Amino acid sequence: MENETTDPDAENKILLEPYEYIRTIPGKQIRPKLIKAFNHWLHISDDKLVLISEIIEMLHNASLLIDDIQDNSKLRRGSP
């Protein structure tokens, strides 16, 4: 068998396409509003709050992708 070389960046791009696509579909922005509301009391620094928000969005979008796969959904937020 020949030694095949693959481009890791190309592989990552293919794997991330569904995630990147779901990020572009607008939602209700409930999580950012909740984070802002909680931070009224918690007073977390802006740099940490940005990181926390990004992680929460990543986890949420990953859960949406898993849900769509399990349900064999054709649409997410009304978009294919």
PDB file of N, CA and C in Angstrom:
ATOM      1  N   MET A   1       0.837  -1.173   0.000  1.00  0.00           N
ATOM      2  CA  MET A   1       0.000   0.000   0.000  1.00  0.00           C
ATOM      3  C   MET A   1       0.883   1.237   0.000  1.00  0.00           C
ATOM      4  N   GLU A   2       0.544   2.187  -0.850  1.00  0.00           N
ATOM      5  CA  GLU A   2       1.350   3.394  -0.952  1.00  0.00           C
ATOM      6  C   GLU A   2       1.158   4.287   0.264  1.00  0.00           C
ATOM      7  N   ASN A   3       2.206   5.009   0.578  1.00  0.00           N
ATOM      8  CA  ASN A   3       2.132   5.943   1.689  1.00  0.00           C
ATOM      9  C   ASN A   3       1.406   7.202   1.227  1.00  0.00           C
ATOM     10  N   GLU A   4       0.191   7.373   1.682  1.00  0.00           N
ATOM     11  CA  GLU A   4      -0.596   8.533   1.290  1.00  0.00           C
ATOM     12  C   GLU A   4      -0.396   9.647   2.308  1.00  0.00           C
ATOM     13  N   THR A   5      -0.199  10.838   1.795  1.00  0.00           N
ATOM     14  CA  THR A   5      -0.113  11.988   2.686  1.00  0.00           C
ATOM     15  C   THR A   5      -1.403  12.779   2.560  1.00  0.00           C
ATOM     16  N   THR A   6      -1.886  13.206   3.683  1.00  0.00           N
ATOM     17  CA  THR A   6      -3.113  13.993   3.682  1.00  0.00           C
ATOM     18  C   THR A   6      -2.832  15.344   4.308  1.00  0.00           C
ATOM     19  N   ASP A   7      -3.573  16.316   3.874  1.00  0.00           N
ATOM     20  CA  ASP A   7      -3.442  17.668   4.391  1.00  0.00           C
ATOM     21  C   ASP A   7      -4.330  17.804   5.621  1.00  0.00           C
ATOM     22  N   PRO A   8      -3.733  17.938   6.818  1.00  0.00           N
ATOM     23  CA  PRO A   8      -4.552  18.045   8.030  1.00  0.00           C
ATOM     24  C   PRO A   8      -5.498  19.244   7.993  1.00  0.00           C
ATOM     25  N   ASP A   9      -5.065  20.342   7.377  1.00  0.00           N
ATOM     26  CA  ASP A   9      -5.941  21.512   7.294  1.00  0.00           C
ATOM     27  C   ASP A   9      -7.176  21.222   6.457  1.00  0.00           C
ATOM     28  N   ALA A  10      -7.003  20.480   5.365  1.00  0.00           N
ATOM     29  CA  ALA A  10      -8.142  20.123   4.518  1.00  0.00           C
ATOM     30  C   ALA A  10      -9.088  19.194   5.268  1.00  0.00           C
ATOM     31  N   GLU A  11      -8.529  18.254   6.007  1.00  0.00           N
ATOM     32  CA  GLU A  11      -9.362  17.338   6.794  1.00  0.00           C
ATOM     33  C   GLU A  11     -10.135  18.103   7.866  1.00  0.00           C
ATOM     34  N   ASN A  12      -9.460  19.013   8.549  1.00  0.00           N
ATOM     35  CA  ASN A  12     -10.127  19.812   9.578  1.00  0.00           C
ATOM     36  C   ASN A  12     -11.236  20.665   8.976  1.00  0.00           C
ATOM     37  N   LYS A  13     -10.977  21.235   7.794  1.00  0.00           N
ATOM     38  CA  LYS A  13     -11.990  22.066   7.142  1.00  0.00           C
ATOM     39  C   LYS A  13     -13.242  21.251   6.847  1.00  0.00           C
ATOM     40  N   ILE A  14     -13.065  20.050   6.343  1.00  0.00           N
ATOM     41  CA  ILE A  14     -14.202  19.182   6.032  1.00  0.00           C
ATOM     42  C   ILE A  14     -14.977  18.845   7.307  1.00  0.00           C
ATOM     43  N   LEU A  15     -14.250  18.516   8.360  1.00  0.00           N
ATOM     44  CA  LEU A  15     -14.905  18.162   9.623  1.00  0.00           C
ATOM     45  C   LEU A  15     -15.642  19.348  10.252  1.00  0.00           C
ATOM     46  N   LEU A  16     -15.099  20.532  10.079  1.00  0.00           N
ATOM     47  CA  LEU A  16     -15.687  21.710  10.715  1.00  0.00           C
ATOM     48  C   LEU A  16     -16.780  22.383   9.888  1.00  0.00           C
ATOM     49  N   GLU A  17     -16.952  21.983   8.627  1.00  0.00           N
ATOM     50  CA  GLU A  17     -17.959  22.629   7.777  1.00  0.00           C
ATOM     51  C   GLU A  17     -19.355  22.644   8.396  1.00  0.00           C
ATOM     52  N   PRO A  18     -19.875  21.525   8.910  1.00  0.00           N
ATOM     53  CA  PRO A  18     -21.218  21.584   9.516  1.00  0.00           C
ATOM     54  C   PRO A  18     -21.275  22.535  10.714  1.00  0.00           C
ATOM     55  N   TYR A  19     -20.234  22.526  11.528  1.00  0.00           N
ATOM     56  CA  TYR A  19     -20.194  23.408  12.698  1.00  0.00           C
ATOM     57  C   TYR A  19     -20.162  24.877  12.261  1.00  0.00           C
ATOM     58  N   GLU A  20     -19.297  25.184  11.299  1.00  0.00           N
ATOM     59  CA  GLU A  20     -19.193  26.562  10.819  1.00  0.00           C
ATOM     60  C   GLU A  20     -20.504  27.010  10.185  1.00  0.00           C
ATOM     61  N   TYR A  21     -21.161  26.106   9.473  1.00  0.00           N
ATOM     62  CA  TYR A  21     -22.440  26.447   8.849  1.00  0.00           C
ATOM     63  C   TYR A  21     -23.490  26.775   9.908  1.00  0.00           C
ATOM     64  N   ILE A  22     -23.577  25.954  10.935  1.00  0.00           N
ATOM     65  CA  ILE A  22     -24.603  26.171  11.966  1.00  0.00           C
ATOM     66  C   ILE A  22     -24.341  27.466  12.730  1.00  0.00           C
ATOM     67  N   ARG A  23     -23.085  27.874  12.818  1.00  0.00           N
ATOM     68  CA  ARG A  23     -22.751  29.140  13.479  1.00  0.00           C
ATOM     69  C   ARG A  23     -23.289  30.343  12.720  1.00  0.00           C
ATOM     70  N   THR A  24     -23.459  30.211  11.396  1.00  0.00           N
ATOM     71  CA  THR A  24     -23.902  31.342  10.583  1.00  0.00           C
ATOM     72  C   THR A  24     -25.409  31.547  10.620  1.00  0.00           C
ATOM     73  N   ILE A  25     -26.150  30.556  11.114  1.00  0.00           N
ATOM     74  CA  ILE A  25     -27.604  30.665  11.160  1.00  0.00           C
ATOM     75  C   ILE A  25     -27.983  31.434  12.429  1.00  0.00           C
ATOM     76  N   PRO A  26     -28.653  32.577  12.276  1.00  0.00           N
ATOM     77  CA  PRO A  26     -28.965  33.377  13.466  1.00  0.00           C
ATOM     78  C   PRO A  26     -29.948  32.690  14.400  1.00  0.00           C
ATOM     79  N   GLY A  27     -29.712  32.876  15.679  1.00  0.00           N
ATOM     80  CA  GLY A  27     -30.604  32.336  16.706  1.00  0.00           C
ATOM     81  C   GLY A  27     -31.232  33.465  17.505  1.00  0.00           C
ATOM     82  N   LYS A  28     -31.786  33.129  18.650  1.00  0.00           N
ATOM     83  CA  LYS A  28     -32.475  34.117  19.489  1.00  0.00           C
ATOM     84  C   LYS A  28     -31.526  34.861  20.425  1.00  0.00           C
ATOM     85  N   GLN A  29     -30.287  34.414  20.518  1.00  0.00           N
ATOM     86  CA  GLN A  29     -29.269  35.047  21.369  1.00  0.00           C
ATOM     87  C   GLN A  29     -29.636  35.015  22.851  1.00  0.00           C
ATOM     88  N   ILE A  30     -30.258  33.915  23.272  1.00  0.00           N
ATOM     89  CA  ILE A  30     -30.637  33.778  24.681  1.00  0.00           C
ATOM     90  C   ILE A  30     -29.400  33.622  25.564  1.00  0.00           C
ATOM     91  N   ARG A  31     -28.452  32.771  25.166  1.00  0.00           N
ATOM     92  CA  ARG A  31     -27.268  32.536  25.988  1.00  0.00           C
ATOM     93  C   ARG A  31     -26.464  33.814  26.216  1.00  0.00           C
ATOM     94  N   PRO A  32     -26.176  34.619  25.181  1.00  0.00           N
ATOM     95  CA  PRO A  32     -25.449  35.868  25.454  1.00  0.00           C
ATOM     96  C   PRO A  32     -26.200  36.805  26.398  1.00  0.00           C
ATOM     97  N   LYS A  33     -27.528  36.836  26.283  1.00  0.00           N
ATOM     98  CA  LYS A  33     -28.314  37.684  27.183  1.00  0.00           C
ATOM     99  C   LYS A  33     -28.234  37.173  28.623  1.00  0.00           C
ATOM    100  N   LEU A  34     -28.289  35.854  28.794  1.00  0.00           N
ATOM    101  CA  LEU A  34     -28.174  35.282  30.140  1.00  0.00           C
ATOM    102  C   LEU A  34     -26.791  35.538  30.736  1.00  0.00           C
ATOM    103  N   ILE A  35     -25.762  35.381  29.910  1.00  0.00           N
ATOM    104  CA  ILE A  35     -24.395  35.620  30.383  1.00  0.00           C
ATOM    105  C   ILE A  35     -24.256  37.066  30.850  1.00  0.00           C
ATOM    106  N   LYS A  36     -24.777  37.989  30.051  1.00  0.00           N
ATOM    107  CA  LYS A  36     -24.709  39.407  30.420  1.00  0.00           C
ATOM    108  C   LYS A  36     -25.478  39.671  31.714  1.00  0.00           C
ATOM    109  N   ALA A  37     -26.640  39.046  31.850  1.00  0.00           N
ATOM    110  CA  ALA A  37     -27.447  39.230  33.065  1.00  0.00           C
ATOM    111  C   ALA A  37     -26.732  38.682  34.298  1.00  0.00           C
ATOM    112  N   PHE A  38     -26.172  37.480  34.187  1.00  0.00           N
ATOM    113  CA  PHE A  38     -25.450  36.906  35.328  1.00  0.00           C
ATOM    114  C   PHE A  38     -24.214  37.727  35.673  1.00  0.00           C
ATOM    115  N   ASN A  39     -23.580  38.283  34.653  1.00  0.00           N
ATOM    116  CA  ASN A  39     -22.367  39.049  34.920  1.00  0.00           C
ATOM    117  C   ASN A  39     -22.679  40.365  35.631  1.00  0.00           C
ATOM    118  N   HIS A  40     -23.915  40.772  35.626  1.00  0.00           N
ATOM    119  CA  HIS A  40     -24.316  41.953  36.400  1.00  0.00           C
ATOM    120  C   HIS A  40     -23.964  41.735  37.876  1.00  0.00           C
ATOM    121  N   TRP A  41     -24.076  40.491  38.335  1.00  0.00           N
ATOM    122  CA  TRP A  41     -23.766  40.156  39.729  1.00  0.00           C
ATOM    123  C   TRP A  41     -22.369  39.569  39.899  1.00  0.00           C
ATOM    124  N   LEU A  42     -21.889  38.856  38.886  1.00  0.00           N
ATOM    125  CA  LEU A  42     -20.618  38.138  39.038  1.00  0.00           C
ATOM    126  C   LEU A  42     -19.388  39.004  38.774  1.00  0.00           C
ATOM    127  N   HIS A  43     -19.512  40.015  37.947  1.00  0.00           N
ATOM    128  CA  HIS A  43     -18.417  40.943  37.629  1.00  0.00           C
ATOM    129  C   HIS A  43     -17.164  40.224  37.115  1.00  0.00           C
ATOM    130  N   ILE A  44     -17.360  39.353  36.144  1.00  0.00           N
ATOM    131  CA  ILE A  44     -16.237  38.648  35.522  1.00  0.00           C
ATOM    132  C   ILE A  44     -15.581  39.592  34.523  1.00  0.00           C
ATOM    133  N   SER A  45     -14.260  39.544  34.442  1.00  0.00           N
ATOM    134  CA  SER A  45     -13.544  40.428  33.524  1.00  0.00           C
ATOM    135  C   SER A  45     -13.957  40.141  32.076  1.00  0.00           C
ATOM    136  N   ASP A  46     -13.866  41.176  31.244  1.00  0.00           N
ATOM    137  CA  ASP A  46     -14.318  41.058  29.856  1.00  0.00           C
ATOM    138  C   ASP A  46     -13.595  39.957  29.090  1.00  0.00           C
ATOM    139  N   ASP A  47     -12.268  39.835  29.280  1.00  0.00           N
ATOM    140  CA  ASP A  47     -11.529  38.812  28.536  1.00  0.00           C
ATOM    141  C   ASP A  47     -11.974  37.405  28.920  1.00  0.00           C
ATOM    142  N   LYS A  48     -12.222  37.189  30.197  1.00  0.00           N
ATOM    143  CA  LYS A  48     -12.704  35.875  30.635  1.00  0.00           C
ATOM    144  C   LYS A  48     -14.142  35.643  30.183  1.00  0.00           C
ATOM    145  N   LEU A  49     -14.944  36.686  30.195  1.00  0.00           N
ATOM    146  CA  LEU A  49     -16.342  36.565  29.781  1.00  0.00           C
ATOM    147  C   LEU A  49     -16.447  36.202  28.298  1.00  0.00           C
ATOM    148  N   VAL A  50     -15.580  36.773  27.480  1.00  0.00           N
ATOM    149  CA  VAL A  50     -15.555  36.429  26.051  1.00  0.00           C
ATOM    150  C   VAL A  50     -15.224  34.956  25.885  1.00  0.00           C
ATOM    151  N   LEU A  51     -14.226  34.477  26.596  1.00  0.00           N
ATOM    152  CA  LEU A  51     -13.837  33.071  26.514  1.00  0.00           C
ATOM    153  C   LEU A  51     -14.971  32.156  26.983  1.00  0.00           C
ATOM    154  N   ILE A  52     -15.592  32.492  28.089  1.00  0.00           N
ATOM    155  CA  ILE A  52     -16.718  31.702  28.605  1.00  0.00           C
ATOM    156  C   ILE A  52     -17.848  31.665  27.583  1.00  0.00           C
ATOM    157  N   SER A  53     -18.160  32.812  26.999  1.00  0.00           N
ATOM    158  CA  SER A  53     -19.228  32.888  25.997  1.00  0.00           C
ATOM    159  C   SER A  53     -18.921  32.028  24.782  1.00  0.00           C
ATOM    160  N   GLU A  54     -17.673  32.073  24.313  1.00  0.00           N
ATOM    161  CA  GLU A  54     -17.279  31.267  23.153  1.00  0.00           C
ATOM    162  C   GLU A  54     -17.403  29.777  23.452  1.00  0.00           C
ATOM    163  N   ILE A  55     -16.976  29.369  24.625  1.00  0.00           N
ATOM    164  CA  ILE A  55     -17.055  27.953  25.003  1.00  0.00           C
ATOM    165  C   ILE A  55     -18.507  27.505  25.101  1.00  0.00           C
ATOM    166  N   ILE A  56     -19.347  28.326  25.706  1.00  0.00           N
ATOM    167  CA  ILE A  56     -20.768  27.980  25.820  1.00  0.00           C
ATOM    168  C   ILE A  56     -21.392  27.840  24.437  1.00  0.00           C
ATOM    169  N   GLU A  57     -21.073  28.754  23.515  1.00  0.00           N
ATOM    170  CA  GLU A  57     -21.618  28.671  22.153  1.00  0.00           C
ATOM    171  C   GLU A  57     -21.121  27.418  21.437  1.00  0.00           C
ATOM    172  N   MET A  58     -19.839  27.088  21.618  1.00  0.00           N
ATOM    173  CA  MET A  58     -19.297  25.872  20.999  1.00  0.00           C
ATOM    174  C   MET A  58     -20.027  24.632  21.497  1.00  0.00           C
ATOM    175  N   LEU A  59     -20.205  24.546  22.802  1.00  0.00           N
ATOM    176  CA  LEU A  59     -20.902  23.390  23.377  1.00  0.00           C
ATOM    177  C   LEU A  59     -22.352  23.330  22.907  1.00  0.00           C
ATOM    178  N   HIS A  60     -23.008  24.471  22.864  1.00  0.00           N
ATOM    179  CA  HIS A  60     -24.399  24.505  22.415  1.00  0.00           C
ATOM    180  C   HIS A  60     -24.508  24.066  20.954  1.00  0.00           C
ATOM    181  N   ASN A  61     -23.654  24.619  20.095  1.00  0.00           N
ATOM    182  CA  ASN A  61     -23.694  24.246  18.677  1.00  0.00           C
ATOM    183  C   ASN A  61     -23.357  22.778  18.475  1.00  0.00           C
ATOM    184  N   ALA A  62     -22.425  22.260  19.261  1.00  0.00           N
ATOM    185  CA  ALA A  62     -22.106  20.832  19.173  1.00  0.00           C
ATOM    186  C   ALA A  62     -23.316  19.995  19.560  1.00  0.00           C
ATOM    187  N   SER A  63     -24.044  20.426  20.592  1.00  0.00           N
ATOM    188  CA  SER A  63     -25.238  19.671  20.992  1.00  0.00           C
ATOM    189  C   SER A  63     -26.313  19.738  19.911  1.00  0.00           C
ATOM    190  N   LEU A  64     -26.416  20.863  19.211  1.00  0.00           N
ATOM    191  CA  LEU A  64     -27.371  20.970  18.103  1.00  0.00           C
ATOM    192  C   LEU A  64     -27.003  20.016  16.972  1.00  0.00           C
ATOM    193  N   LEU A  65     -25.712  19.947  16.659  1.00  0.00           N
ATOM    194  CA  LEU A  65     -25.261  19.035  15.602  1.00  0.00           C
ATOM    195  C   LEU A  65     -25.555  17.585  15.961  1.00  0.00           C
ATOM    196  N   ILE A  66     -25.260  17.217  17.186  1.00  0.00           N
ATOM    197  CA  ILE A  66     -25.524  15.842  17.633  1.00  0.00           C
ATOM    198  C   ILE A  66     -27.019  15.553  17.577  1.00  0.00           C
ATOM    199  N   ASP A  67     -27.836  16.508  18.016  1.00  0.00           N
ATOM    200  CA  ASP A  67     -29.289  16.342  17.978  1.00  0.00           C
ATOM    201  C   ASP A  67     -29.780  16.159  16.544  1.00  0.00           C
ATOM    202  N   ASP A  68     -29.265  16.966  15.628  1.00  0.00           N
ATOM    203  CA  ASP A  68     -29.679  16.847  14.225  1.00  0.00           C
ATOM    204  C   ASP A  68     -29.280  15.501  13.635  1.00  0.00           C
ATOM    205  N   ILE A  69     -28.115  15.009  13.992  1.00  0.00           N
ATOM    206  CA  ILE A  69     -27.669  13.699  13.502  1.00  0.00           C
ATOM    207  C   ILE A  69     -28.570  12.608  14.052  1.00  0.00           C
ATOM    208  N   GLN A  70     -28.840  12.662  15.347  1.00  0.00           N
ATOM    209  CA  GLN A  70     -29.686  11.636  15.966  1.00  0.00           C
ATOM    210  C   GLN A  70     -31.107  11.659  15.414  1.00  0.00           C
ATOM    211  N   ASP A  71     -31.639  12.849  15.172  1.00  0.00           N
ATOM    212  CA  ASP A  71     -33.015  12.985  14.686  1.00  0.00           C
ATOM    213  C   ASP A  71     -33.122  12.906  13.169  1.00  0.00           C
ATOM    214  N   ASN A  72     -31.969  12.851  12.490  1.00  0.00           N
ATOM    215  CA  ASN A  72     -31.934  12.867  11.028  1.00  0.00           C
ATOM    216  C   ASN A  72     -32.672  14.102  10.501  1.00  0.00           C
ATOM    217  N   SER A  73     -32.452  15.236  11.158  1.00  0.00           N
ATOM    218  CA  SER A  73     -33.133  16.484  10.807  1.00  0.00           C
ATOM    219  C   SER A  73     -32.598  17.042   9.503  1.00  0.00           C
ATOM    220  N   LYS A  74     -33.491  17.601   8.728  1.00  0.00           N
ATOM    221  CA  LYS A  74     -33.115  18.240   7.466  1.00  0.00           C
ATOM    222  C   LYS A  74     -32.976  19.749   7.634  1.00  0.00           C
ATOM    223  N   LEU A  75     -33.590  20.304   8.680  1.00  0.00           N
ATOM    224  CA  LEU A  75     -33.558  21.747   8.904  1.00  0.00           C
ATOM    225  C   LEU A  75     -33.084  22.060  10.315  1.00  0.00           C
ATOM    226  N   ARG A  76     -32.429  23.212  10.449  1.00  0.00           N
ATOM    227  CA  ARG A  76     -32.051  23.752  11.754  1.00  0.00           C
ATOM    228  C   ARG A  76     -32.396  25.230  11.698  1.00  0.00           C
ATOM    229  N   ARG A  77     -33.231  25.681  12.608  1.00  0.00           N
ATOM    230  CA  ARG A  77     -33.686  27.072  12.646  1.00  0.00           C
ATOM    231  C   ARG A  77     -34.310  27.483  11.313  1.00  0.00           C
ATOM    232  N   GLY A  78     -35.001  26.531  10.684  1.00  0.00           N
ATOM    233  CA  GLY A  78     -35.699  26.788   9.428  1.00  0.00           C
ATOM    234  C   GLY A  78     -34.828  26.777   8.193  1.00  0.00           C
ATOM    235  N   SER A  79     -33.538  26.484   8.350  1.00  0.00           N
ATOM    236  CA  SER A  79     -32.611  26.449   7.213  1.00  0.00           C
ATOM    237  C   SER A  79     -32.104  25.032   7.009  1.00  0.00           C
ATOM    238  N   PRO A  80     -31.789  24.693   5.756  1.00  0.00           N
ATOM    239  CA  PRO A  80     -31.257  23.336   5.495  1.00  0.00           C
ATOM    240  C   PRO A  80     -29.848  23.155   6.029  1.00  0.00           C
TER     241      PRO A  80
END
